[in-house]
PDB file of all heavy atoms in Angstrom:
ATOM      1  N   SER A   1     118.547 116.568 117.843  1.00  0.00           N
ATOM      2  CA  SER A   1     117.326 116.182 117.129  1.00  0.00           C
ATOM      3  C   SER A   1     117.139 114.675 117.194  1.00  0.00           C
ATOM      4  O   SER A   1     118.078 113.923 117.427  1.00  0.00           O
ATOM      5  CB  SER A   1     117.394 116.633 115.662  1.00  0.00           C
ATOM      6  OG  SER A   1     118.467 116.002 115.003  1.00  0.00           O
ATOM      7  N   THR A   2     115.900 114.249 117.020  1.00  0.00           N
ATOM      8  CA  THR A   2     115.554 112.829 117.029  1.00  0.00           C
ATOM      9  C   THR A   2     115.369 112.349 115.599  1.00  0.00           C
ATOM     10  O   THR A   2     114.589 112.927 114.844  1.00  0.00           O
ATOM     11  CB  THR A   2     114.261 112.584 117.836  1.00  0.00           C
ATOM     12  OG1 THR A   2     114.484 112.933 119.202  1.00  0.00           O
ATOM     13  CG2 THR A   2     113.849 111.118 117.756  1.00  0.00           C
ATOM     14  N   LYS A   3     116.088 111.310 115.213  1.00  0.00           N
ATOM     15  CA  LYS A   3     115.937 110.689 113.895  1.00  0.00           C
ATOM     16  C   LYS A   3     115.332 109.295 114.062  1.00  0.00           C
ATOM     17  O   LYS A   3     115.593 108.606 115.055  1.00  0.00           O
ATOM     18  CB  LYS A   3     117.297 110.580 113.194  1.00  0.00           C
ATOM     19  CG  LYS A   3     117.955 111.939 112.882  1.00  0.00           C
ATOM     20  CD  LYS A   3     117.193 112.698 111.828  1.00  0.00           C
ATOM     21  CE  LYS A   3     117.877 114.012 111.469  1.00  0.00           C
ATOM     22  NZ  LYS A   3     119.178 113.829 110.822  1.00  0.00           N
ATOM     23  N   TRP A   4     114.548 108.895 113.087  1.00  0.00           N
ATOM     24  CA  TRP A   4     113.887 107.583 113.123  1.00  0.00           C
ATOM     25  C   TRP A   4     114.694 106.567 112.326  1.00  0.00           C
ATOM     26  O   TRP A   4     115.201 106.862 111.247  1.00  0.00           O
ATOM     27  CB  TRP A   4     112.472 107.684 112.563  1.00  0.00           C
ATOM     28  CG  TRP A   4     111.530 108.397 113.478  1.00  0.00           C
ATOM     29  CD1 TRP A   4     111.366 109.747 113.598  1.00  0.00           C
ATOM     30  CD2 TRP A   4     110.641 107.800 114.417  1.00  0.00           C
ATOM     31  NE1 TRP A   4     110.428 110.030 114.558  1.00  0.00           N
ATOM     32  CE2 TRP A   4     109.960 108.850 115.077  1.00  0.00           C
ATOM     33  CE3 TRP A   4     110.346 106.491 114.778  1.00  0.00           C
ATOM     34  CZ2 TRP A   4     109.010 108.627 116.065  1.00  0.00           C
ATOM     35  CZ3 TRP A   4     109.399 106.265 115.764  1.00  0.00           C
ATOM     36  CH2 TRP A   4     108.746 107.320 116.396  1.00  0.00           C
ATOM     37  N   THR A   5     114.803 105.347 112.869  1.00  0.00           N
ATOM     38  CA  THR A   5     115.430 104.241 112.150  1.00  0.00           C
ATOM     39  C   THR A   5     114.403 103.639 111.194  1.00  0.00           C
ATOM     40  O   THR A   5     113.212 103.968 111.239  1.00  0.00           O
ATOM     41  CB  THR A   5     115.909 103.156 113.122  1.00  0.00           C
ATOM     42  OG1 THR A   5     114.749 102.595 113.791  1.00  0.00           O
ATOM     43  CG2 THR A   5     116.857 103.735 114.170  1.00  0.00           C
ATOM     44  N   GLN A   6     114.853 102.734 110.329  1.00  0.00           N
ATOM     45  CA  GLN A   6     113.913 102.067 109.432  1.00  0.00           C
ATOM     46  C   GLN A   6     112.942 101.178 110.220  1.00  0.00           C
ATOM     47  O   GLN A   6     111.780 101.024 109.840  1.00  0.00           O
ATOM     48  CB  GLN A   6     114.684 101.245 108.392  1.00  0.00           C
ATOM     49  CG  GLN A   6     115.556 102.087 107.473  1.00  0.00           C
ATOM     50  CD  GLN A   6     114.791 103.160 106.731  1.00  0.00           C
ATOM     51  OE1 GLN A   6     113.661 102.939 106.305  1.00  0.00           O
ATOM     52  NE2 GLN A   6     115.376 104.340 106.573  1.00  0.00           N
ATOM     53  N   LYS A   7     113.413 100.612 111.324  1.00  0.00           N
ATOM     54  CA  LYS A   7     112.522  99.832 112.189  1.00  0.00           C
ATOM     55  C   LYS A   7     111.444 100.737 112.756  1.00  0.00           C
ATOM     56  O   LYS A   7     110.268 100.362 112.841  1.00  0.00           O
ATOM     57  CB  LYS A   7     113.323  99.177 113.320  1.00  0.00           C
ATOM     58  CG  LYS A   7     112.488  98.324 114.251  1.00  0.00           C
ATOM     59  CD  LYS A   7     113.359  97.690 115.326  1.00  0.00           C
ATOM     60  CE  LYS A   7     112.499  96.854 116.284  1.00  0.00           C
ATOM     61  NZ  LYS A   7     113.318  96.244 117.350  1.00  0.00           N
ATOM     62  N   GLY A   8     111.842 101.940 113.159  1.00  0.00           N
ATOM     63  CA  GLY A   8     110.867 102.904 113.658  1.00  0.00           C
ATOM     64  C   GLY A   8     109.891 103.320 112.585  1.00  0.00           C
ATOM     65  O   GLY A   8     108.696 103.543 112.845  1.00  0.00           O
ATOM     66  N   ARG A   9     110.381 103.431 111.357  1.00  0.00           N
ATOM     67  CA  ARG A   9     109.512 103.799 110.235  1.00  0.00           C
ATOM     68  C   ARG A   9     108.421 102.749 110.017  1.00  0.00           C
ATOM     69  O   ARG A   9     107.259 103.077 109.765  1.00  0.00           O
ATOM     70  CB  ARG A   9     110.372 103.942 108.982  1.00  0.00           C
ATOM     71  CG  ARG A   9     109.658 104.510 107.763  1.00  0.00           C
ATOM     72  CD  ARG A   9     110.634 104.542 106.607  1.00  0.00           C
ATOM     73  NE  ARG A   9     110.084 105.169 105.422  1.00  0.00           N
ATOM     74  CZ  ARG A   9     110.706 105.216 104.243  1.00  0.00           C
ATOM     75  NH1 ARG A   9     111.916 104.689 104.132  1.00  0.00           N
ATOM     76  NH2 ARG A   9     110.144 105.791 103.194  1.00  0.00           N
ATOM     77  N   LEU A  10     108.806 101.464 110.123  1.00  0.00           N
ATOM     78  CA  LEU A  10     107.814 100.391 109.989  1.00  0.00           C
ATOM     79  C   LEU A  10     106.853 100.384 111.172  1.00  0.00           C
ATOM     80  O   LEU A  10     105.676 100.057 111.028  1.00  0.00           O
ATOM     81  CB  LEU A  10     108.516  99.039 109.867  1.00  0.00           C
ATOM     82  CG  LEU A  10     109.276  98.804 108.557  1.00  0.00           C
ATOM     83  CD1 LEU A  10     109.939  97.438 108.572  1.00  0.00           C
ATOM     84  CD2 LEU A  10     108.343  98.931 107.360  1.00  0.00           C
ATOM     85  N   PHE A  11     107.354 100.729 112.362  1.00  0.00           N
ATOM     86  CA  PHE A  11     106.485 100.830 113.541  1.00  0.00           C
ATOM     87  C   PHE A  11     105.421 101.899 113.301  1.00  0.00           C
ATOM     88  O   PHE A  11     104.233 101.692 113.597  1.00  0.00           O
ATOM     89  CB  PHE A  11     107.319 101.176 114.772  1.00  0.00           C
ATOM     90  CG  PHE A  11     106.512 101.629 115.956  1.00  0.00           C
ATOM     91  CD1 PHE A  11     105.729 100.736 116.667  1.00  0.00           C
ATOM     92  CD2 PHE A  11     106.517 102.965 116.342  1.00  0.00           C
ATOM     93  CE1 PHE A  11     104.964 101.161 117.748  1.00  0.00           C
ATOM     94  CE2 PHE A  11     105.761 103.395 117.421  1.00  0.00           C
ATOM     95  CZ  PHE A  11     104.991 102.489 118.124  1.00  0.00           C
ATOM     96  N   ILE A  12     105.826 103.060 112.766  1.00  0.00           N
ATOM     97  CA  ILE A  12     104.878 104.134 112.467  1.00  0.00           C
ATOM     98  C   ILE A  12     103.873 103.658 111.422  1.00  0.00           C
ATOM     99  O   ILE A  12     102.667 103.927 111.529  1.00  0.00           O
ATOM    100  CB  ILE A  12     105.622 105.390 111.977  1.00  0.00           C
ATOM    101  CG1 ILE A  12     106.431 106.006 113.126  1.00  0.00           C
ATOM    102  CG2 ILE A  12     104.647 106.420 111.414  1.00  0.00           C
ATOM    103  CD1 ILE A  12     107.280 107.187 112.719  1.00  0.00           C
ATOM    104  N   TYR A  13     104.359 102.918 110.425  1.00  0.00           N
ATOM    105  CA  TYR A  13     103.475 102.401 109.380  1.00  0.00           C
ATOM    106  C   TYR A  13     102.379 101.519 109.967  1.00  0.00           C
ATOM    107  O   TYR A  13     101.189 101.693 109.689  1.00  0.00           O
ATOM    108  CB  TYR A  13     104.294 101.620 108.360  1.00  0.00           C
ATOM    109  CG  TYR A  13     103.466 100.822 107.377  1.00  0.00           C
ATOM    110  CD1 TYR A  13     102.779 101.449 106.346  1.00  0.00           C
ATOM    111  CD2 TYR A  13     103.358  99.435 107.491  1.00  0.00           C
ATOM    112  CE1 TYR A  13     102.003 100.720 105.449  1.00  0.00           C
ATOM    113  CE2 TYR A  13     102.601  98.696 106.606  1.00  0.00           C
ATOM    114  CZ  TYR A  13     101.927  99.340 105.581  1.00  0.00           C
ATOM    115  OH  TYR A  13     101.159  98.621 104.703  1.00  0.00           O
ATOM    116  N   ASP A  14     102.782 100.547 110.808  1.00  0.00           N
ATOM    117  CA  ASP A  14     101.797  99.644 111.411  1.00  0.00           C
ATOM    118  C   ASP A  14     100.849 100.401 112.338  1.00  0.00           C
ATOM    119  O   ASP A  14      99.648 100.121 112.385  1.00  0.00           O
ATOM    120  CB  ASP A  14     102.516  98.536 112.193  1.00  0.00           C
ATOM    121  CG  ASP A  14     103.212  97.529 111.278  1.00  0.00           C
ATOM    122  OD1 ASP A  14     102.721  97.334 110.155  1.00  0.00           O
ATOM    123  OD2 ASP A  14     104.233  96.961 111.686  1.00  0.00           O
ATOM    124  N   LEU A  15     101.393 101.364 113.075  1.00  0.00           N
ATOM    125  CA  LEU A  15     100.584 102.149 114.007  1.00  0.00           C
ATOM    126  C   LEU A  15      99.536 102.957 113.264  1.00  0.00           C
ATOM    127  O   LEU A  15      98.344 102.947 113.626  1.00  0.00           O
ATOM    128  CB  LEU A  15     101.494 103.072 114.826  1.00  0.00           C
ATOM    129  CG  LEU A  15     100.810 103.974 115.846  1.00  0.00           C
ATOM    130  CD1 LEU A  15     100.347 103.155 117.039  1.00  0.00           C
ATOM    131  CD2 LEU A  15     101.763 105.076 116.302  1.00  0.00           C
ATOM    132  N   LEU A  16      99.946 103.679 112.221  1.00  0.00           N
ATOM    133  CA  LEU A  16      99.011 104.517 111.479  1.00  0.00           C
ATOM    134  C   LEU A  16      98.013 103.680 110.691  1.00  0.00           C
ATOM    135  O   LEU A  16      96.863 104.080 110.516  1.00  0.00           O
ATOM    136  CB  LEU A  16      99.778 105.446 110.542  1.00  0.00           C
ATOM    137  CG  LEU A  16     100.684 106.490 111.213  1.00  0.00           C
ATOM    138  CD1 LEU A  16     101.302 107.409 110.171  1.00  0.00           C
ATOM    139  CD2 LEU A  16      99.909 107.310 112.247  1.00  0.00           C
ATOM    140  N   LYS A  17      98.452 102.506 110.218  1.00  0.00           N
ATOM    141  CA  LYS A  17      97.533 101.630 109.478  1.00  0.00           C
ATOM    142  C   LYS A  17      96.357 101.218 110.357  1.00  0.00           C
ATOM    143  O   LYS A  17      95.218 101.131 109.887  1.00  0.00           O
ATOM    144  CB  LYS A  17      98.279 100.398 108.969  1.00  0.00           C
ATOM    145  CG  LYS A  17      97.406  99.478 108.114  1.00  0.00           C
ATOM    146  CD  LYS A  17      98.222  98.417 107.403  1.00  0.00           C
ATOM    147  CE  LYS A  17      98.835  97.434 108.356  1.00  0.00           C
ATOM    148  NZ  LYS A  17      99.484  96.305 107.656  1.00  0.00           N
ATOM    149  N   GLN A  18      96.636 101.014 111.661  1.00  0.00           N
ATOM    150  CA  GLN A  18      95.558 100.674 112.586  1.00  0.00           C
ATOM    151  C   GLN A  18      94.569 101.822 112.744  1.00  0.00           C
ATOM    152  O   GLN A  18      93.419 101.617 113.123  1.00  0.00           O
ATOM    153  CB  GLN A  18      96.142 100.296 113.951  1.00  0.00           C
ATOM    154  CG  GLN A  18      96.945  99.012 113.938  1.00  0.00           C
ATOM    155  CD  GLN A  18      97.609  98.719 115.263  1.00  0.00           C
ATOM    156  OE1 GLN A  18      97.250  99.295 116.288  1.00  0.00           O
ATOM    157  NE2 GLN A  18      98.588  97.829 115.261  1.00  0.00           N
ATOM    158  N   GLN A  19      95.024 103.045 112.438  1.00  0.00           N
ATOM    159  CA  GLN A  19      94.152 104.221 112.517  1.00  0.00           C
ATOM    160  C   GLN A  19      93.513 104.546 111.161  1.00  0.00           C
ATOM    161  O   GLN A  19      92.845 105.567 111.010  1.00  0.00           O
ATOM    162  CB  GLN A  19      94.950 105.443 113.001  1.00  0.00           C
ATOM    163  CG  GLN A  19      95.753 105.223 114.264  1.00  0.00           C
ATOM    164  CD  GLN A  19      94.886 104.820 115.440  1.00  0.00           C
ATOM    165  OE1 GLN A  19      93.819 105.408 115.660  1.00  0.00           O
ATOM    166  NE2 GLN A  19      95.321 103.826 116.202  1.00  0.00           N
ATOM    167  N   GLY A  20      93.752 103.678 110.171  1.00  0.00           N
ATOM    168  CA  GLY A  20      93.196 103.912 108.843  1.00  0.00           C
ATOM    169  C   GLY A  20      93.993 104.905 108.018  1.00  0.00           C
ATOM    170  O   GLY A  20      93.496 105.435 107.025  1.00  0.00           O
ATOM    171  N   ILE A  21      95.246 105.179 108.417  1.00  0.00           N
ATOM    172  CA  ILE A  21      96.098 106.132 107.703  1.00  0.00           C
ATOM    173  C   ILE A  21      97.167 105.346 106.949  1.00  0.00           C
ATOM    174  O   ILE A  21      97.983 104.663 107.558  1.00  0.00           O
ATOM    175  CB  ILE A  21      96.761 107.128 108.669  1.00  0.00           C
ATOM    176  CG1 ILE A  21      95.693 107.856 109.492  1.00  0.00           C
ATOM    177  CG2 ILE A  21      97.628 108.121 107.905  1.00  0.00           C
ATOM    178  CD1 ILE A  21      96.274 108.719 110.603  1.00  0.00           C
ATOM    179  N   LEU A  22      97.153 105.436 105.620  1.00  0.00           N
ATOM    180  CA  LEU A  22      98.089 104.680 104.793  1.00  0.00           C
ATOM    181  C   LEU A  22      99.022 105.629 104.042  1.00  0.00           C
ATOM    182  O   LEU A  22      98.659 106.759 103.730  1.00  0.00           O
ATOM    183  CB  LEU A  22      97.322 103.823 103.779  1.00  0.00           C
ATOM    184  CG  LEU A  22      96.414 102.733 104.368  1.00  0.00           C
ATOM    185  CD1 LEU A  22      95.624 102.070 103.248  1.00  0.00           C
ATOM    186  CD2 LEU A  22      97.221 101.701 105.134  1.00  0.00           C
ATOM    187  N   PRO A  23     100.242 105.172 103.719  1.00  0.00           N
ATOM    188  CA  PRO A  23     101.154 106.006 102.921  1.00  0.00           C
ATOM    189  C   PRO A  23     100.614 106.194 101.516  1.00  0.00           C
ATOM    190  O   PRO A  23      99.815 105.390 101.019  1.00  0.00           O
ATOM    191  CB  PRO A  23     102.456 105.199 102.937  1.00  0.00           C
ATOM    192  CG  PRO A  23     102.035 103.799 103.181  1.00  0.00           C
ATOM    193  CD  PRO A  23     100.841 103.884 104.090  1.00  0.00           C
ATOM    194  N   LEU A  24     101.065 107.250 100.859  1.00  0.00           N
ATOM    195  CA  LEU A  24     100.564 107.561  99.521  1.00  0.00           C
ATOM    196  C   LEU A  24     100.813 106.427  98.535  1.00  0.00           C
ATOM    197  O   LEU A  24     100.006 106.198  97.633  1.00  0.00           O
ATOM    198  CB  LEU A  24     101.239 108.843  99.003  1.00  0.00           C
ATOM    199  CG  LEU A  24     100.951 110.115  99.804  1.00  0.00           C
ATOM    200  CD1 LEU A  24     101.674 111.292  99.184  1.00  0.00           C
ATOM    201  CD2 LEU A  24      99.454 110.395  99.893  1.00  0.00           C
ATOM    202  N   ILE A  25     101.911 105.697  98.712  1.00  0.00           N
ATOM    203  CA  ILE A  25     102.228 104.615  97.786  1.00  0.00           C
ATOM    204  C   ILE A  25     101.146 103.542  97.787  1.00  0.00           C
ATOM    205  O   ILE A  25     100.941 102.849  96.802  1.00  0.00           O
ATOM    206  CB  ILE A  25     103.617 103.997  98.130  1.00  0.00           C
ATOM    207  CG1 ILE A  25     104.072 103.063  97.015  1.00  0.00           C
ATOM    208  CG2 ILE A  25     103.587 103.274  99.451  1.00  0.00           C
ATOM    209  CD1 ILE A  25     105.470 102.528  97.212  1.00  0.00           C
ATOM    210  N   GLU A  26     100.430 103.405  98.890  1.00  0.00           N
ATOM    211  CA  GLU A  26      99.359 102.403  98.974  1.00  0.00           C
ATOM    212  C   GLU A  26      98.022 102.951  98.482  1.00  0.00           C
ATOM    213  O   GLU A  26      97.013 102.273  98.498  1.00  0.00           O
ATOM    214  CB  GLU A  26      99.249 101.871 100.401  1.00  0.00           C
ATOM    215  CG  GLU A  26     100.491 101.103 100.801  1.00  0.00           C
ATOM    216  CD  GLU A  26     100.298 100.247 102.046  1.00  0.00           C
ATOM    217  OE1 GLU A  26      99.160 100.131 102.507  1.00  0.00           O
ATOM    218  OE2 GLU A  26     101.299  99.701 102.534  1.00  0.00           O
ATOM    219  N   HIS A  27      98.048 104.211  98.039  1.00  0.00           N
ATOM    220  CA  HIS A  27      96.875 104.781  97.367  1.00  0.00           C
ATOM    221  C   HIS A  27      97.110 104.815  95.870  1.00  0.00           C
ATOM    222  O   HIS A  27      96.356 105.440  95.126  1.00  0.00           O
ATOM    223  CB  HIS A  27      96.626 106.212  97.868  1.00  0.00           C
ATOM    224  CG  HIS A  27      96.140 106.266  99.276  1.00  0.00           C
ATOM    225  ND1 HIS A  27      94.850 106.006  99.639  1.00  0.00           N
ATOM    226  CD2 HIS A  27      96.798 106.541 100.431  1.00  0.00           C
ATOM    227  CE1 HIS A  27      94.695 106.133 100.945  1.00  0.00           C
ATOM    228  NE2 HIS A  27      95.879 106.453 101.468  1.00  0.00           N
ATOM    229  N   GLY A  28      98.206 104.157  95.440  1.00  0.00           N
ATOM    230  CA  GLY A  28      98.495 104.112  94.023  1.00  0.00           C
ATOM    231  C   GLY A  28      99.151 105.365  93.506  1.00  0.00           C
ATOM    232  O   GLY A  28      99.137 105.652  92.312  1.00  0.00           O
ATOM    233  N   GLU A  29      99.734 106.180  94.431  1.00  0.00           N
ATOM    234  CA  GLU A  29     100.388 107.388  93.994  1.00  0.00           C
ATOM    235  C   GLU A  29     101.654 107.573  94.802  1.00  0.00           C
ATOM    236  O   GLU A  29     101.812 107.054  95.898  1.00  0.00           O
ATOM    237  CB  GLU A  29      99.462 108.591  94.169  1.00  0.00           C
ATOM    238  CG  GLU A  29      98.943 108.752  95.584  1.00  0.00           C
ATOM    239  CD  GLU A  29      97.951 109.878  95.711  1.00  0.00           C
ATOM    240  OE1 GLU A  29      98.302 111.011  95.370  1.00  0.00           O
ATOM    241  OE2 GLU A  29      96.828 109.601  96.165  1.00  0.00           O
ATOM    242  N   MET A  30     102.602 108.314  94.321  1.00  0.00           N
ATOM    243  CA  MET A  30     103.847 108.585  95.010  1.00  0.00           C
ATOM    244  C   MET A  30     103.846 110.015  95.522  1.00  0.00           C
ATOM    245  O   MET A  30     103.288 110.909  94.891  1.00  0.00           O
ATOM    246  CB  MET A  30     105.038 108.393  94.051  1.00  0.00           C
ATOM    247  CG  MET A  30     105.222 106.964  93.604  1.00  0.00           C
ATOM    248  SD  MET A  30     105.691 105.860  94.952  1.00  0.00           S
ATOM    249  CE  MET A  30     107.319 106.515  95.339  1.00  0.00           C
TER     250      MET A  30
END
């Protein structure tokens, strides 16, 4: 199986943010 590192997690964050997709924590909810 493929596991993501924390660096990869931040890469996904920046990538999705460019697509207008934000994590729930940035919508004020967990």
